[in-house]
Amino acid sequence: MAERKKPQASKNVSAREPASGKNARESEFRYQDLLQHLPVGVYRTTSEGRIIEANQALADILGCKKIADLWQVNVNDFYVKKKARRDHLQRLAASLAAFSEFELRSKDGRTIWVRDYPRAVKGPDGRVLYYDGLLVDISERMLFEAALRQSEQDYRQLFENAHDAIVIFTMQDEIILDVNFRACELYGFSRQEMIGISLEKISKNVRRGKLRIKNILQEKIFHNFETVHFRKDGSEMLLEINAALITYKKQPAILSINRDITSRKLMEAAIHRMAYQDSLTGLPNRSLLQDRLVQALKQAKRHRKKVTLLYLDLDGFKAINDAFGHGIGDELLKVVSDRLQNQLRSSDTVARLGGDEFLILLPEAGRVRAGSNIAGKILAEIRRPYLIAGRSMQISTSIGMAIYPHDGCSAETLIKKADQAMYAAKAKGRDTYCCYFKKKKSGR
């Protein structure tokens, strides 16, 4: 198939650009501002251990004064137990994500404990490109747990001044026996109000809580499970729980260390949205689409099925931007996004690449006829008139279609072939679709 280059958009209109320069700079500024204000260390490292992105919180945890000092170190050198680090990387490479706790020796000579929430980012060939994630200093908690084995005086001092909420309750009926100041502050009760009530009254999922207690009784200790509790005012909070079986006043009881992770989860969700979601339309972005395409191709290869990919470029969008401005153009893109989603099934994915370009993954439409039917419906849907801010307008779209394995076996190849087919549709007069390997045109 002959390739034709699309005319280059003007500097004021980004018909083919991922986003305007100003929007890109603003997004980068917001991302960096969020990164630097997170209370946890954020990192990105190469597979060899070189740090390529970090925030100041990470520098503080590792004992460095400035972020720039991190470029001179290798993260592998911080680990007290090197084998634990190697085993951790092997698990990451196999499962993409896991979290673990490690003992580190910081740059300034301190021994610290951290919890690592990493993610292995892989390329289409399955090789690890880099690791990114969050690092939380848990030294205080580890010191606290060790101090529980010390004298009652030391225990009480730490108990009252611990950063996390601590609740001690009976095993059978879950009656609260003791709490520290942080627990009262977290739940909104006074110590007198909390002591004597059942934990069931402040737990959202009582049944799951009882199963956890059963496990604690069997294993003597239970680390890192999440649950939802209620504050005195009825509001909910997400807690990370570490619990252990102890002896309290010569009677068996359960000690629970509760950390409010509601804000952290919101931050993680915000970071995830920034990494995988288009900020204008809320659709998946190219990164998430490519991840799903790679997985779809693996499934298709395993089950000997086909996968269809559609590449869309709006016709006449630049003229609307020129005539009415980018604000109207953005609203139009949102409506187009809604229309595209309404034409697809739950198994399909529509992603915005930027500007007026979209990719649609159809993992269950492997035949040309099925893909053609969907392309025809999309053409008709996009062609319907729009009413944006009281203005009536109309656009169309050109669609390129590529099918696995006829047109390629990798995500990059399929995207490229679908893009080329879209150019062919443009050359044939727009408002149509073209298959890469058949160069087929649908009637308008």
Protein backbone atom coordinates (compact mmCIF):
# COMPACT_ATOMS: atom_id res chain seq x y z
CA MET A 1 0.00 0.00 0.00
CA ALA A 2 1.33 3.40 -0.92
CA GLU A 3 1.74 5.81 1.96
CA ARG A 4 0.71 9.45 1.83
CA LYS A 5 1.72 11.98 4.41
CA LYS A 6 -1.04 13.96 6.02
CA PRO A 7 -0.72 17.75 5.60
CA GLN A 8 1.00 19.31 8.61
CA ALA A 9 -1.29 21.24 10.96
CA SER A 10 -0.67 24.90 11.67
CA LYS A 11 1.06 25.93 14.89
CA ASN A 12 -2.22 27.18 16.38
CA VAL A 13 -4.15 23.95 15.76
CA SER A 14 -3.04 20.51 16.82
CA ALA A 15 -5.05 18.28 14.49
CA ARG A 16 -2.20 15.73 14.51
CA GLU A 17 -0.33 16.83 17.60
CA PRO A 18 -0.85 14.89 20.86
CA ALA A 19 -1.69 18.15 22.63
CA SER A 20 -0.88 21.83 22.32
CA GLY A 21 2.49 22.93 23.65
CA LYS A 22 0.81 25.05 26.30
CA ASN A 23 -1.41 22.19 27.50
CA ALA A 24 1.57 19.84 27.54
CA ARG A 25 3.59 22.28 29.63
CA GLU A 26 0.66 22.80 32.01
CA SER A 27 0.17 19.03 32.37
CA GLU A 28 3.87 18.55 33.03
CA PHE A 29 3.82 21.35 35.61
CA ARG A 30 0.82 19.82 37.41
CA TYR A 31 2.47 16.39 37.33
CA GLN A 32 5.75 17.70 38.74
CA ASP A 33 3.94 19.76 41.38
CA LEU A 34 1.99 16.68 42.52
CA LEU A 35 5.15 14.58 42.46
CA GLN A 36 7.07 16.97 44.69
CA HIS A 37 4.24 17.34 47.22
CA LEU A 38 3.57 13.65 47.72
CA PRO A 39 4.48 12.55 51.27
CA VAL A 40 6.01 9.34 49.95
CA GLY A 41 9.05 8.69 47.81
CA VAL A 42 8.32 8.37 44.08
CA TYR A 43 10.89 6.81 41.80
CA ARG A 44 11.67 5.42 38.40
CA THR A 45 14.78 3.27 38.00
CA THR A 46 16.43 1.29 35.27
CA SER A 47 16.75 -2.48 35.60
CA GLU A 48 20.41 -1.90 36.56
CA GLY A 49 19.38 0.28 39.52
CA ARG A 50 20.09 3.74 38.14
CA ILE A 51 17.55 6.36 39.30
CA ILE A 52 16.09 8.33 36.39
CA GLU A 53 13.18 10.08 38.12
CA ALA A 54 12.48 10.91 41.77
CA ASN A 55 10.98 13.44 44.15
CA GLN A 56 12.42 15.16 47.22
CA ALA A 57 10.65 12.74 49.59
CA LEU A 58 12.69 9.89 48.09
CA ALA A 59 15.90 11.87 48.57
CA ASP A 60 14.96 12.48 52.22
CA ILE A 61 14.23 8.79 52.83
CA LEU A 62 17.54 7.69 51.32
CA GLY A 63 19.54 10.33 53.21
CA CYS A 64 20.33 12.62 50.27
CA LYS A 65 20.05 16.39 50.57
CA LYS A 66 18.96 17.04 47.01
CA ILE A 67 17.23 15.12 44.24
CA ALA A 68 20.33 15.65 42.10
CA ASP A 69 22.34 13.55 44.59
CA LEU A 70 20.23 10.54 43.61
CA TRP A 71 21.60 10.56 40.06
CA GLN A 72 25.00 9.58 41.49
CA VAL A 73 23.84 6.47 43.38
CA ASN A 74 22.61 2.98 42.56
CA VAL A 75 19.54 1.80 44.46
CA ASN A 76 20.97 -1.71 44.77
CA ASP A 77 23.73 -0.36 47.04
CA PHE A 78 21.21 0.70 49.71
CA TYR A 79 19.96 -2.82 50.44
CA VAL A 80 21.36 -4.53 53.52
CA LYS A 81 20.34 -7.94 52.17
CA LYS A 82 21.31 -8.08 48.50
CA LYS A 83 19.60 -11.42 47.88
CA ALA A 84 16.27 -10.02 49.06
CA ARG A 85 16.62 -7.30 46.43
CA ARG A 86 17.40 -9.83 43.65
CA ASP A 87 14.47 -12.05 44.64
CA HIS A 88 12.19 -9.00 44.69
CA LEU A 89 13.16 -8.02 41.13
CA GLN A 90 12.55 -11.56 39.92
CA ARG A 91 9.05 -11.54 41.39
CA LEU A 92 8.38 -8.16 39.81
CA ALA A 93 9.52 -9.36 36.38
CA ALA A 94 7.13 -12.30 36.68
CA SER A 95 4.04 -10.58 38.10
CA LEU A 96 4.51 -6.89 37.14
CA ALA A 97 3.54 -5.59 40.59
CA ALA A 98 4.13 -6.53 44.21
CA PHE A 99 5.07 -4.82 47.44
CA SER A 100 7.69 -5.79 49.99
CA GLU A 101 9.54 -4.43 53.01
CA PHE A 102 13.31 -4.01 53.09
CA GLU A 103 16.06 -2.93 55.43
CA LEU A 104 18.18 -0.19 53.88
CA ARG A 105 21.29 1.69 54.88
CA SER A 106 20.79 5.32 53.91
CA LYS A 107 23.40 7.59 52.39
CA ASP A 108 23.94 9.30 55.73
CA GLY A 109 24.57 5.98 57.50
CA ARG A 110 21.17 5.36 59.10
CA THR A 111 19.53 1.94 59.02
CA ILE A 112 15.93 2.31 57.91
CA TRP A 113 13.01 0.11 56.93
CA VAL A 114 10.91 0.87 53.87
CA ARG A 115 7.91 -0.56 52.14
CA ASP A 116 8.26 -0.64 48.37
CA TYR A 117 5.17 -0.43 46.10
CA PRO A 118 6.80 -1.03 42.70
CA ARG A 119 5.66 -1.77 39.19
CA ALA A 120 7.68 -3.40 36.42
CA VAL A 121 7.07 -1.60 33.12
CA LYS A 122 7.62 -3.93 30.23
CA GLY A 123 8.04 -3.42 26.52
CA PRO A 124 6.03 -5.24 23.86
CA ASP A 125 8.65 -7.98 23.81
CA GLY A 126 8.16 -8.66 27.53
CA ARG A 127 11.51 -7.25 28.66
CA VAL A 128 11.53 -4.93 31.67
CA LEU A 129 12.10 -1.35 30.53
CA TYR A 130 12.19 0.20 33.99
CA TYR A 131 10.68 0.05 37.46
CA ASP A 132 8.56 2.76 39.00
CA GLY A 133 6.63 3.06 42.22
CA LEU A 134 6.32 4.44 45.72
CA LEU A 135 8.68 4.08 48.70
CA VAL A 136 7.34 4.57 52.23
CA ASP A 137 9.56 4.91 55.30
CA ILE A 138 8.17 2.41 57.84
CA SER A 139 11.08 2.64 60.27
CA GLU A 140 8.82 4.04 62.98
CA ARG A 141 6.46 1.10 62.75
CA MET A 142 9.28 -1.45 62.77
CA LEU A 143 10.85 0.19 65.80
CA PHE A 144 7.50 0.19 67.50
CA GLU A 145 6.95 -3.52 66.92
CA ALA A 146 10.37 -4.30 68.36
CA ALA A 147 9.68 -2.11 71.36
CA LEU A 148 6.58 -4.15 72.22
CA ARG A 149 8.95 -6.80 73.52
CA GLN A 150 10.51 -4.34 75.96
CA SER A 151 9.31 -3.32 79.38
CA GLU A 152 5.80 -2.08 80.11
CA GLN A 153 7.13 1.43 80.65
CA ASP A 154 8.80 1.55 77.23
CA TYR A 155 5.74 -0.08 75.66
CA ARG A 156 3.37 2.48 77.12
CA GLN A 157 5.46 5.42 76.01
CA LEU A 158 5.62 4.18 72.46
CA PHE A 159 1.99 3.14 72.58
CA GLU A 160 0.83 6.63 73.37
CA ASN A 161 3.18 8.43 71.00
CA ALA A 162 3.00 6.13 67.99
CA HIS A 163 2.18 7.79 64.71
CA ASP A 164 -0.36 5.07 63.79
CA ALA A 165 -3.59 4.27 65.57
CA ILE A 166 -3.33 1.28 67.93
CA VAL A 167 -6.36 -0.70 69.09
CA ILE A 168 -6.24 -3.66 71.50
CA PHE A 169 -9.37 -5.84 71.60
CA THR A 170 -10.57 -9.24 72.78
CA MET A 171 -10.54 -12.21 70.43
CA GLN A 172 -14.08 -13.52 70.90
CA ASP A 173 -16.44 -10.54 70.95
CA GLU A 174 -13.92 -7.92 69.71
CA ILE A 175 -14.46 -5.62 72.69
CA ILE A 176 -11.91 -2.77 72.67
CA LEU A 177 -9.62 -2.94 75.71
CA ASP A 178 -7.24 -0.07 75.01
CA VAL A 179 -6.43 2.57 72.41
CA ASN A 180 -3.72 5.17 72.00
CA PHE A 181 -4.07 8.91 71.43
CA ARG A 182 -3.73 8.55 67.65
CA ALA A 183 -6.63 6.09 67.56
CA CYS A 184 -8.88 8.55 69.40
CA GLU A 185 -7.79 11.28 67.01
CA LEU A 186 -8.37 9.08 63.96
CA TYR A 187 -11.80 7.74 64.91
CA GLY A 188 -13.08 10.91 66.59
CA PHE A 189 -13.93 9.20 69.90
CA SER A 190 -12.52 9.88 73.35
CA ARG A 191 -10.62 7.06 75.04
CA GLN A 192 -13.57 6.51 77.42
CA GLU A 193 -15.98 6.25 74.48
CA MET A 194 -13.85 3.70 72.60
CA ILE A 195 -12.96 1.38 75.45
CA GLY A 196 -15.76 -1.14 75.97
CA ILE A 197 -17.42 -0.93 72.56
CA SER A 198 -17.21 -3.71 69.98
CA LEU A 199 -14.96 -3.29 66.97
CA GLU A 200 -17.92 -4.50 64.91
CA LYS A 201 -19.63 -1.13 65.46
CA ILE A 202 -16.89 0.73 63.59
CA SER A 203 -16.21 -1.92 60.91
CA LYS A 204 -17.92 -1.82 57.53
CA ASN A 205 -17.40 -5.48 56.64
CA VAL A 206 -17.84 -7.43 59.88
CA ARG A 207 -17.77 -10.84 58.20
CA ARG A 208 -14.45 -10.18 56.50
CA GLY A 209 -13.07 -8.83 59.75
CA LYS A 210 -13.94 -12.04 61.57
CA LEU A 211 -12.16 -14.07 58.89
CA ARG A 212 -9.06 -11.92 59.40
CA ILE A 213 -9.21 -12.51 63.15
CA LYS A 214 -9.46 -16.24 62.53
CA ASN A 215 -6.30 -16.05 60.44
CA ILE A 216 -4.52 -14.04 63.12
CA LEU A 217 -5.37 -16.69 65.72
CA GLN A 218 -3.95 -19.37 63.44
CA GLU A 219 -0.83 -17.54 62.31
CA LYS A 220 -0.25 -15.40 65.46
CA ILE A 221 0.36 -12.36 63.25
CA PHE A 222 -1.17 -10.80 60.13
CA HIS A 223 0.43 -8.12 57.96
CA ASN A 224 -0.92 -5.64 55.48
CA PHE A 225 -4.59 -6.08 54.79
CA GLU A 226 -6.92 -3.24 53.98
CA THR A 227 -10.39 -2.61 55.38
CA VAL A 228 -12.93 0.18 55.82
CA HIS A 229 -13.85 1.60 59.23
CA PHE A 230 -16.25 4.34 60.30
CA ARG A 231 -15.41 7.50 62.20
CA LYS A 232 -17.68 8.78 64.95
CA ASP A 233 -19.40 11.11 62.45
CA GLY A 234 -20.21 8.17 60.16
CA SER A 235 -17.66 8.96 57.47
CA GLU A 236 -15.60 6.12 56.03
CA MET A 237 -11.83 5.71 55.92
CA LEU A 238 -9.62 3.11 54.28
CA LEU A 239 -7.16 1.57 56.72
CA GLU A 240 -4.06 -0.55 56.33
CA ILE A 241 -4.01 -3.05 59.17
CA ASN A 242 -1.14 -4.93 60.80
CA ALA A 243 -2.28 -7.18 63.62
CA ALA A 244 -0.77 -9.65 66.06
CA LEU A 245 -1.83 -11.95 68.86
CA ILE A 246 -0.52 -10.63 72.20
CA THR A 247 -1.00 -11.03 75.94
CA TYR A 248 -2.69 -8.01 77.48
CA LYS A 249 -3.02 -7.97 81.27
CA LYS A 250 -2.39 -11.72 81.35
CA GLN A 251 -5.19 -12.39 78.84
CA PRO A 252 -4.90 -13.19 75.10
CA ALA A 253 -5.87 -10.26 72.91
CA ILE A 254 -5.27 -8.81 69.47
CA LEU A 255 -3.18 -5.69 68.89
CA SER A 256 -4.08 -3.86 65.70
CA ILE A 257 -1.96 -1.09 64.17
CA ASN A 258 -4.23 0.95 61.91
CA ARG A 259 -2.95 3.45 59.36
CA ASP A 260 -5.29 5.73 57.44
CA ILE A 261 -4.35 5.31 53.77
CA THR A 262 -7.35 7.11 52.27
CA SER A 263 -5.27 10.06 51.02
CA ARG A 264 -2.52 7.82 49.71
CA LYS A 265 -5.02 5.77 47.71
CA LEU A 266 -6.47 8.94 46.23
CA MET A 267 -2.97 10.06 45.26
CA GLU A 268 -2.20 6.69 43.70
CA ALA A 269 -5.44 6.88 41.74
CA ALA A 270 -4.54 10.40 40.57
CA ILE A 271 -1.09 9.25 39.46
CA HIS A 272 -2.65 6.31 37.63
CA ARG A 273 -5.11 8.57 35.84
CA MET A 274 -2.32 10.91 34.79
CA ALA A 275 -0.32 7.97 33.44
CA TYR A 276 -3.11 6.12 31.62
CA GLN A 277 -6.02 8.49 31.04
CA ASP A 278 -6.54 11.32 28.59
CA SER A 279 -7.12 14.45 30.67
CA LEU A 280 -9.66 16.02 28.27
CA THR A 281 -12.00 13.13 27.44
CA GLY A 282 -11.31 10.68 30.25
CA LEU A 283 -10.62 7.97 27.67
CA PRO A 284 -7.62 5.65 27.95
CA ASN A 285 -4.50 7.17 26.41
CA ARG A 286 -2.03 5.57 24.02
CA SER A 287 -0.05 3.89 26.83
CA LEU A 288 -3.09 2.09 28.25
CA LEU A 289 -4.37 1.18 24.78
CA GLN A 290 -0.99 -0.31 23.89
CA ASP A 291 -0.95 -2.33 27.11
CA ARG A 292 -4.40 -3.73 26.34
CA LEU A 293 -3.47 -4.38 22.73
CA VAL A 294 -0.41 -6.37 23.79
CA GLN A 295 -2.57 -8.47 26.11
CA ALA A 296 -5.23 -8.95 23.44
CA LEU A 297 -2.60 -10.17 20.96
CA LYS A 298 -1.28 -12.67 23.51
CA GLN A 299 -4.78 -14.03 24.04
CA ALA A 300 -5.45 -14.12 20.30
CA LYS A 301 -2.23 -16.03 19.67
CA ARG A 302 -3.02 -18.51 22.44
CA HIS A 303 -6.56 -19.15 21.18
CA ARG A 304 -5.80 -18.68 17.46
CA LYS A 305 -8.17 -15.76 17.09
CA LYS A 306 -8.03 -12.45 15.30
CA VAL A 307 -7.96 -8.89 16.61
CA THR A 308 -9.12 -5.77 14.80
CA LEU A 309 -7.66 -2.29 15.29
CA LEU A 310 -9.30 0.91 13.98
CA TYR A 311 -7.39 4.17 13.56
CA LEU A 312 -9.66 7.26 13.38
CA ASP A 313 -8.86 10.81 12.34
CA LEU A 314 -11.64 13.42 12.29
CA ASP A 315 -12.32 15.20 8.99
CA GLY A 316 -12.83 18.95 9.24
CA PHE A 317 -11.81 19.31 12.87
CA LYS A 318 -9.11 21.87 12.07
CA ALA A 319 -11.66 24.09 10.35
CA ILE A 320 -13.89 24.03 13.44
CA ASN A 321 -10.94 24.92 15.67
CA ASP A 322 -10.04 27.81 13.35
CA ALA A 323 -13.61 29.07 13.15
CA PHE A 324 -14.76 28.69 16.75
CA GLY A 325 -11.62 28.30 18.87
CA HIS A 326 -10.05 25.51 20.89
CA GLY A 327 -12.69 25.64 23.61
CA ILE A 328 -15.43 24.63 21.18
CA GLY A 329 -13.04 22.10 19.65
CA ASP A 330 -12.44 20.50 23.04
CA GLU A 331 -16.18 20.23 23.72
CA LEU A 332 -16.64 18.62 20.32
CA LEU A 333 -13.95 16.05 21.11
CA LYS A 334 -15.75 15.16 24.34
CA VAL A 335 -19.02 14.54 22.47
CA VAL A 336 -17.20 12.49 19.83
CA SER A 337 -15.63 10.42 22.61
CA ASP A 338 -19.06 9.73 24.12
CA ARG A 339 -20.46 8.70 20.76
CA LEU A 340 -17.58 6.33 20.12
CA GLN A 341 -17.99 4.66 23.51
CA ASN A 342 -21.73 4.21 22.90
CA GLN A 343 -21.01 2.26 19.72
CA LEU A 344 -18.70 -0.26 21.38
CA ARG A 345 -19.03 -3.28 23.63
CA SER A 346 -17.60 -3.63 27.12
CA SER A 347 -14.75 -5.76 25.76
CA ASP A 348 -13.67 -3.02 23.32
CA THR A 349 -11.37 -0.09 24.08
CA VAL A 350 -11.43 3.37 22.56
CA ALA A 351 -8.42 5.57 23.28
CA ARG A 352 -7.53 9.13 22.37
CA LEU A 353 -4.04 9.53 20.97
CA GLY A 354 -4.18 13.32 21.12
CA GLY A 355 -5.55 16.02 18.86
CA ASP A 356 -8.38 14.52 16.81
CA GLU A 357 -7.00 10.97 16.56
CA PHE A 358 -8.47 7.87 18.21
CA LEU A 359 -7.65 4.17 18.33
CA ILE A 360 -10.28 1.49 18.83
CA LEU A 361 -9.33 -2.05 19.89
CA LEU A 362 -11.84 -4.76 18.94
CA PRO A 363 -10.56 -8.02 20.45
CA GLU A 364 -13.74 -9.91 19.53
CA ALA A 365 -14.20 -8.60 15.99
CA GLY A 366 -11.54 -10.55 14.15
CA ARG A 367 -13.27 -10.89 10.78
CA VAL A 368 -13.18 -8.17 8.16
CA ARG A 369 -16.97 -8.12 7.97
CA ALA A 370 -17.34 -7.59 11.72
CA GLY A 371 -14.78 -4.78 11.73
CA SER A 372 -16.38 -3.25 8.64
CA ASN A 373 -19.83 -3.27 10.26
CA ILE A 374 -18.50 -1.46 13.31
CA ALA A 375 -16.58 1.01 11.15
CA GLY A 376 -19.75 1.72 9.17
CA LYS A 377 -21.72 2.41 12.35
CA ILE A 378 -19.01 4.74 13.59
CA LEU A 379 -18.97 6.66 10.30
CA ALA A 380 -22.73 7.19 10.54
CA GLU A 381 -22.55 8.17 14.22
CA ILE A 382 -19.76 10.73 13.75
CA ARG A 383 -21.53 12.15 10.70
CA ARG A 384 -24.63 13.12 12.71
CA PRO A 385 -24.88 16.89 13.41
CA TYR A 386 -23.54 18.37 16.65
CA LEU A 387 -24.86 21.22 18.77
CA ILE A 388 -21.99 22.75 20.76
CA ALA A 389 -22.54 25.95 22.76
CA GLY A 390 -25.57 26.78 20.66
CA ARG A 391 -23.69 26.28 17.38
CA SER A 392 -24.65 23.59 14.89
CA MET A 393 -21.74 21.86 13.19
CA GLN A 394 -20.93 18.68 11.33
CA ILE A 395 -17.81 16.59 10.84
CA SER A 396 -16.89 13.15 9.56
CA THR A 397 -14.06 10.74 10.13
CA SER A 398 -11.63 8.62 8.15
CA ILE A 399 -10.94 5.14 9.49
CA GLY A 400 -8.06 2.76 8.86
CA MET A 401 -8.43 -0.90 9.80
CA ALA A 402 -5.72 -3.50 10.46
CA ILE A 403 -6.27 -7.09 11.57
CA TYR A 404 -4.03 -9.48 13.50
CA PRO A 405 -2.34 -11.62 12.26
CA HIS A 406 -2.88 -10.69 8.59
CA ASP A 407 -1.40 -7.22 8.90
CA GLY A 408 1.13 -7.78 11.64
CA CYS A 409 1.81 -9.65 14.88
CA SER A 410 3.02 -6.82 17.11
CA ALA A 411 1.20 -3.87 18.63
CA GLU A 412 3.51 -1.37 16.92
CA THR A 413 3.04 -2.96 13.51
CA LEU A 414 -0.76 -3.07 13.77
CA ILE A 415 -0.93 0.58 14.85
CA LYS A 416 1.33 1.56 11.96
CA LYS A 417 -0.71 -0.42 9.40
CA ALA A 418 -4.00 0.97 10.70
CA ASP A 419 -2.51 4.48 10.45
CA GLN A 420 -1.49 3.85 6.83
CA ALA A 421 -4.96 2.54 6.03
CA MET A 422 -6.43 5.70 7.55
CA TYR A 423 -4.29 7.81 5.18
CA ALA A 424 -5.65 5.74 2.30
CA ALA A 425 -9.19 6.52 3.48
CA LYS A 426 -8.30 10.22 3.51
CA ALA A 427 -6.98 9.93 -0.04
CA LYS A 428 -10.20 8.27 -1.20
CA GLY A 429 -12.28 11.24 -0.23
CA ARG A 430 -12.67 10.99 3.57
CA ASP A 431 -15.78 9.97 5.48
CA THR A 432 -14.96 6.34 4.73
CA TYR A 433 -12.86 3.45 5.96
CA CYS A 434 -10.10 1.43 4.37
CA CYS A 435 -8.72 -2.01 5.27
CA TYR A 436 -4.94 -2.21 5.12
CA PHE A 437 -4.60 -5.51 3.31
CA LYS A 438 -7.66 -5.25 1.05
CA LYS A 439 -7.79 -1.50 0.54
CA LYS A 440 -11.52 -1.82 0.77
CA LYS A 441 -13.75 1.23 0.81
CA SER A 442 -17.13 1.46 2.46
CA GLY A 443 -19.92 3.39 0.83
CA ARG A 444 -20.71 6.67 2.50
